[in-house]
Amino acid sequence: MSETSNGTGEWPQGQGNTSSPSDALSSHAGTDQQATTIEAADTPQTHEAVRKIEALRATIDNIDAAVVHLLAERFKATSQVGVLKAQAGFAPADLQREEQQIERLRRIAQDAGLDTQIAEMYKQFVVEEAKKRHRRIAEAGGDPGVLDIYA
């Protein structure tokens, strides 16, 4: 649902000087999603909504930056694990650890009020990426390579 919807499927009053909600929307080609331009606000109600949206987006941008920095730190650590696994002759995958981690993340997600499927998708992504790196490190004889130095 678009940011301008009030959650009921109806559009709030004061959508600028358009004659109908559909006039305020532009469709994305090939999708069922609709979009609005928040800069078109021209009533006090919509100006306030725009102000709140912009503040929330600033918060979202800060969170995204923090998440990317944390992922970089995570991949630095997993690269070191990959080097140690390669040196010891261990396989890149540790299925027991993966299962423990997914259960741990499910509990954390529940405690945080996050849909556990989001936590599972996150874990799937980072585990697959870590295993790819571990395989690459093992194939390179324990050398993490240039890409992993900057990760």
C-alpha atoms as a PDB file:
ATOM      1  CA  MET A   1       0.000   0.000   0.000  1.00  0.00           C
ATOM      2  CA  SER A   2       1.269   3.451  -0.833  1.00  0.00           C
ATOM      3  CA  GLU A   3       2.490   5.884   1.820  1.00  0.00           C
ATOM      4  CA  THR A   4      -0.540   8.103   1.231  1.00  0.00           C
ATOM      5  CA  SER A   5      -3.139   5.443   1.853  1.00  0.00           C
ATOM      6  CA  ASN A   6      -4.881   5.592   5.211  1.00  0.00           C
ATOM      7  CA  GLY A   7      -4.865   1.799   5.529  1.00  0.00           C
ATOM      8  CA  THR A   8      -8.561   1.424   4.610  1.00  0.00           C
ATOM      9  CA  GLY A   9      -8.042   1.290   0.876  1.00  0.00           C
ATOM     10  CA  GLU A  10      -9.445   4.824   0.638  1.00  0.00           C
ATOM     11  CA  TRP A  11      -7.428   7.979   0.129  1.00  0.00           C
ATOM     12  CA  PRO A  12      -7.360  10.650   2.828  1.00  0.00           C
ATOM     13  CA  GLN A  13      -8.935  14.018   2.203  1.00  0.00           C
ATOM     14  CA  GLY A  14      -6.692  16.804   0.925  1.00  0.00           C
ATOM     15  CA  GLN A  15      -4.708  15.075  -1.806  1.00  0.00           C
ATOM     16  CA  GLY A  16      -3.897  18.350  -3.484  1.00  0.00           C
ATOM     17  CA  ASN A  17      -6.039  19.809  -6.221  1.00  0.00           C
ATOM     18  CA  THR A  18      -6.693  16.569  -8.072  1.00  0.00           C
ATOM     19  CA  SER A  19     -10.261  15.597  -8.846  1.00  0.00           C
ATOM     20  CA  SER A  20      -9.962  11.982  -7.669  1.00  0.00           C
ATOM     21  CA  PRO A  21      -7.470   9.682  -5.932  1.00  0.00           C
ATOM     22  CA  SER A  22      -6.629   8.051  -9.242  1.00  0.00           C
ATOM     23  CA  ASP A  23      -5.584  11.438 -10.629  1.00  0.00           C
ATOM     24  CA  ALA A  24      -3.006  11.727  -7.810  1.00  0.00           C
ATOM     25  CA  LEU A  25      -1.416   8.406  -8.728  1.00  0.00           C
ATOM     26  CA  SER A  26       0.973   7.244 -11.363  1.00  0.00           C
ATOM     27  CA  SER A  27       1.104   3.518 -12.025  1.00  0.00           C
ATOM     28  CA  HIS A  28       4.329   1.564 -12.259  1.00  0.00           C
ATOM     29  CA  ALA A  29       4.456  -0.236 -15.578  1.00  0.00           C
ATOM     30  CA  GLY A  30       3.704  -3.911 -15.242  1.00  0.00           C
ATOM     31  CA  THR A  31       2.871  -3.894 -11.508  1.00  0.00           C
ATOM     32  CA  ASP A  32      -0.191  -3.586  -9.324  1.00  0.00           C
ATOM     33  CA  GLN A  33       1.582  -1.068  -7.106  1.00  0.00           C
ATOM     34  CA  GLN A  34       0.751   2.597  -7.212  1.00  0.00           C
ATOM     35  CA  ALA A  35       2.865   5.592  -6.287  1.00  0.00           C
ATOM     36  CA  THR A  36       2.327   9.154  -5.267  1.00  0.00           C
ATOM     37  CA  THR A  37       4.582  12.152  -5.194  1.00  0.00           C
ATOM     38  CA  ILE A  38       4.707  13.539  -1.678  1.00  0.00           C
ATOM     39  CA  GLU A  39       6.146  16.814  -2.924  1.00  0.00           C
ATOM     40  CA  ALA A  40       2.708  17.637  -4.400  1.00  0.00           C
ATOM     41  CA  ALA A  41       1.261  18.337  -0.938  1.00  0.00           C
ATOM     42  CA  ASP A  42      -0.693  21.574  -0.875  1.00  0.00           C
ATOM     43  CA  THR A  43      -2.836  21.457   2.258  1.00  0.00           C
ATOM     44  CA  PRO A  44      -1.832  21.786   5.928  1.00  0.00           C
ATOM     45  CA  GLN A  45      -2.780  18.140   6.479  1.00  0.00           C
ATOM     46  CA  THR A  46      -0.596  16.891   3.648  1.00  0.00           C
ATOM     47  CA  HIS A  47       2.249  19.255   4.570  1.00  0.00           C
ATOM     48  CA  GLU A  48       2.282  17.692   8.049  1.00  0.00           C
ATOM     49  CA  ALA A  49       2.245  14.202   6.531  1.00  0.00           C
ATOM     50  CA  VAL A  50       5.177  15.142   4.281  1.00  0.00           C
ATOM     51  CA  ARG A  51       7.127  16.517   7.264  1.00  0.00           C
ATOM     52  CA  LYS A  52       6.591  13.264   9.193  1.00  0.00           C
ATOM     53  CA  ILE A  53       7.468  11.122   6.171  1.00  0.00           C
ATOM     54  CA  GLU A  54      10.700  13.050   5.618  1.00  0.00           C
ATOM     55  CA  ALA A  55      11.674  12.650   9.288  1.00  0.00           C
ATOM     56  CA  LEU A  56      10.968   8.926   9.167  1.00  0.00           C
ATOM     57  CA  ARG A  57      12.927   8.576   5.933  1.00  0.00           C
ATOM     58  CA  ALA A  58      15.921  10.263   7.560  1.00  0.00           C
ATOM     59  CA  THR A  59      15.690   7.691  10.349  1.00  0.00           C
ATOM     60  CA  ILE A  60      15.400   4.891   7.779  1.00  0.00           C
ATOM     61  CA  ASP A  61      18.483   6.191   5.931  1.00  0.00           C
ATOM     62  CA  ASN A  62      20.476   6.203   9.186  1.00  0.00           C
ATOM     63  CA  ILE A  63      19.363   2.664   9.987  1.00  0.00           C
ATOM     64  CA  ASP A  64      20.285   1.499   6.463  1.00  0.00           C
ATOM     65  CA  ALA A  65      23.767   2.972   6.869  1.00  0.00           C
ATOM     66  CA  ALA A  66      24.194   1.228  10.217  1.00  0.00           C
ATOM     67  CA  VAL A  67      22.989  -2.087   8.761  1.00  0.00           C
ATOM     68  CA  VAL A  68      25.480  -1.859   5.875  1.00  0.00           C
ATOM     69  CA  HIS A  69      28.339  -1.083   8.276  1.00  0.00           C
ATOM     70  CA  LEU A  70      27.323  -4.004  10.493  1.00  0.00           C
ATOM     71  CA  LEU A  71      27.160  -6.328   7.479  1.00  0.00           C
ATOM     72  CA  ALA A  72      30.659  -5.233   6.487  1.00  0.00           C
ATOM     73  CA  GLU A  73      31.902  -6.107   9.982  1.00  0.00           C
ATOM     74  CA  ARG A  74      30.061  -9.408   9.874  1.00  0.00           C
ATOM     75  CA  PHE A  75      31.659 -10.371   6.564  1.00  0.00           C
ATOM     76  CA  LYS A  76      35.105  -9.404   7.856  1.00  0.00           C
ATOM     77  CA  ALA A  77      34.581 -11.863  10.700  1.00  0.00           C
ATOM     78  CA  THR A  78      33.212 -14.597   8.431  1.00  0.00           C
ATOM     79  CA  SER A  79      36.182 -14.160   6.105  1.00  0.00           C
ATOM     80  CA  GLN A  80      38.485 -14.807   9.040  1.00  0.00           C
ATOM     81  CA  VAL A  81      36.442 -17.918   9.855  1.00  0.00           C
ATOM     82  CA  GLY A  82      36.837 -18.968   6.205  1.00  0.00           C
ATOM     83  CA  VAL A  83      40.620 -18.602   6.409  1.00  0.00           C
ATOM     84  CA  LEU A  84      40.754 -20.675   9.594  1.00  0.00           C
ATOM     85  CA  LYS A  85      38.474 -23.348   8.112  1.00  0.00           C
ATOM     86  CA  ALA A  86      40.621 -23.555   4.993  1.00  0.00           C
ATOM     87  CA  GLN A  87      43.812 -23.835   7.046  1.00  0.00           C
ATOM     88  CA  ALA A  88      42.295 -26.590   9.193  1.00  0.00           C
ATOM     89  CA  GLY A  89      40.766 -28.424   6.215  1.00  0.00           C
ATOM     90  CA  PHE A  90      37.170 -27.915   7.364  1.00  0.00           C
ATOM     91  CA  ALA A  91      34.265 -27.764   4.926  1.00  0.00           C
ATOM     92  CA  PRO A  92      32.854 -24.315   4.123  1.00  0.00           C
ATOM     93  CA  ALA A  93      29.402 -25.297   5.437  1.00  0.00           C
ATOM     94  CA  ASP A  94      28.531 -26.142   9.040  1.00  0.00           C
ATOM     95  CA  LEU A  95      24.929 -27.342   8.928  1.00  0.00           C
ATOM     96  CA  GLN A  96      24.628 -27.734  12.696  1.00  0.00           C
ATOM     97  CA  ARG A  97      25.760 -24.126  13.231  1.00  0.00           C
ATOM     98  CA  GLU A  98      23.357 -22.920  10.527  1.00  0.00           C
ATOM     99  CA  GLU A  99      20.389 -24.591  12.231  1.00  0.00           C
ATOM    100  CA  GLN A 100      21.381 -23.174  15.614  1.00  0.00           C
ATOM    101  CA  GLN A 101      21.704 -19.707  14.117  1.00  0.00           C
ATOM    102  CA  ILE A 102      18.328 -19.779  12.382  1.00  0.00           C
ATOM    103  CA  GLU A 103      16.629 -20.847  15.628  1.00  0.00           C
ATOM    104  CA  ARG A 104      18.496 -18.108  17.497  1.00  0.00           C
ATOM    105  CA  LEU A 105      17.458 -15.476  14.944  1.00  0.00           C
ATOM    106  CA  ARG A 106      13.836 -16.637  15.044  1.00  0.00           C
ATOM    107  CA  ARG A 107      13.802 -16.060  18.821  1.00  0.00           C
ATOM    108  CA  ILE A 108      15.472 -12.662  18.441  1.00  0.00           C
ATOM    109  CA  ALA A 109      12.984 -11.665  15.730  1.00  0.00           C
ATOM    110  CA  GLN A 110      10.029 -12.691  17.878  1.00  0.00           C
ATOM    111  CA  ASP A 111      11.397 -10.756  20.860  1.00  0.00           C
ATOM    112  CA  ALA A 112      11.935  -7.705  18.634  1.00  0.00           C
ATOM    113  CA  GLY A 113       8.447  -7.873  17.113  1.00  0.00           C
ATOM    114  CA  LEU A 114       9.836  -8.722  13.661  1.00  0.00           C
ATOM    115  CA  ASP A 115       8.264 -11.245  11.324  1.00  0.00           C
ATOM    116  CA  THR A 116      10.425 -14.355  11.674  1.00  0.00           C
ATOM    117  CA  GLN A 117      10.379 -14.849   7.896  1.00  0.00           C
ATOM    118  CA  ILE A 118      12.372 -11.623   7.532  1.00  0.00           C
ATOM    119  CA  ALA A 119      14.966 -12.954   9.959  1.00  0.00           C
ATOM    120  CA  GLU A 120      15.082 -16.231   8.034  1.00  0.00           C
ATOM    121  CA  MET A 121      15.575 -14.409   4.704  1.00  0.00           C
ATOM    122  CA  TYR A 122      18.368 -12.346   6.249  1.00  0.00           C
ATOM    123  CA  LYS A 123      20.053 -15.446   7.632  1.00  0.00           C
ATOM    124  CA  GLN A 124      19.696 -17.298   4.333  1.00  0.00           C
ATOM    125  CA  PHE A 125      21.385 -14.410   2.531  1.00  0.00           C
ATOM    126  CA  VAL A 126      24.318 -14.028   4.923  1.00  0.00           C
ATOM    127  CA  VAL A 127      24.889 -17.767   5.284  1.00  0.00           C
ATOM    128  CA  GLU A 128      24.928 -18.316   1.516  1.00  0.00           C
ATOM    129  CA  GLU A 129      27.295 -15.380   1.005  1.00  0.00           C
ATOM    130  CA  ALA A 130      29.587 -16.568   3.795  1.00  0.00           C
ATOM    131  CA  LYS A 131      29.693 -20.100   2.338  1.00  0.00           C
ATOM    132  CA  LYS A 132      30.536 -18.702  -1.116  1.00  0.00           C
ATOM    133  CA  ARG A 133      33.401 -16.747   0.416  1.00  0.00           C
ATOM    134  CA  HIS A 134      34.560 -19.756   2.429  1.00  0.00           C
ATOM    135  CA  ARG A 135      34.595 -21.927  -0.713  1.00  0.00           C
ATOM    136  CA  ARG A 136      36.542 -19.232  -2.580  1.00  0.00           C
ATOM    137  CA  ILE A 137      39.023 -18.932   0.290  1.00  0.00           C
ATOM    138  CA  ALA A 138      39.449 -22.721   0.420  1.00  0.00           C
ATOM    139  CA  GLU A 139      39.998 -22.880  -3.334  1.00  0.00           C
ATOM    140  CA  ALA A 140      42.620 -20.145  -2.990  1.00  0.00           C
ATOM    141  CA  GLY A 141      44.502 -22.132  -0.358  1.00  0.00           C
ATOM    142  CA  GLY A 142      43.395 -19.961   2.560  1.00  0.00           C
ATOM    143  CA  ASP A 143      43.905 -16.581   0.889  1.00  0.00           C
ATOM    144  CA  PRO A 144      40.873 -14.352   1.505  1.00  0.00           C
ATOM    145  CA  GLY A 145      41.633 -12.330  -1.639  1.00  0.00           C
ATOM    146  CA  VAL A 146      41.257  -8.662  -2.359  1.00  0.00           C
ATOM    147  CA  LEU A 147      37.471  -8.530  -2.145  1.00  0.00           C
ATOM    148  CA  ASP A 148      37.470  -9.981   1.345  1.00  0.00           C
ATOM    149  CA  ILE A 149      40.141  -7.573   2.564  1.00  0.00           C
ATOM    150  CA  TYR A 150      37.726  -4.697   1.925  1.00  0.00           C
ATOM    151  CA  ALA A 151      34.617  -6.504   3.164  1.00  0.00           C
END
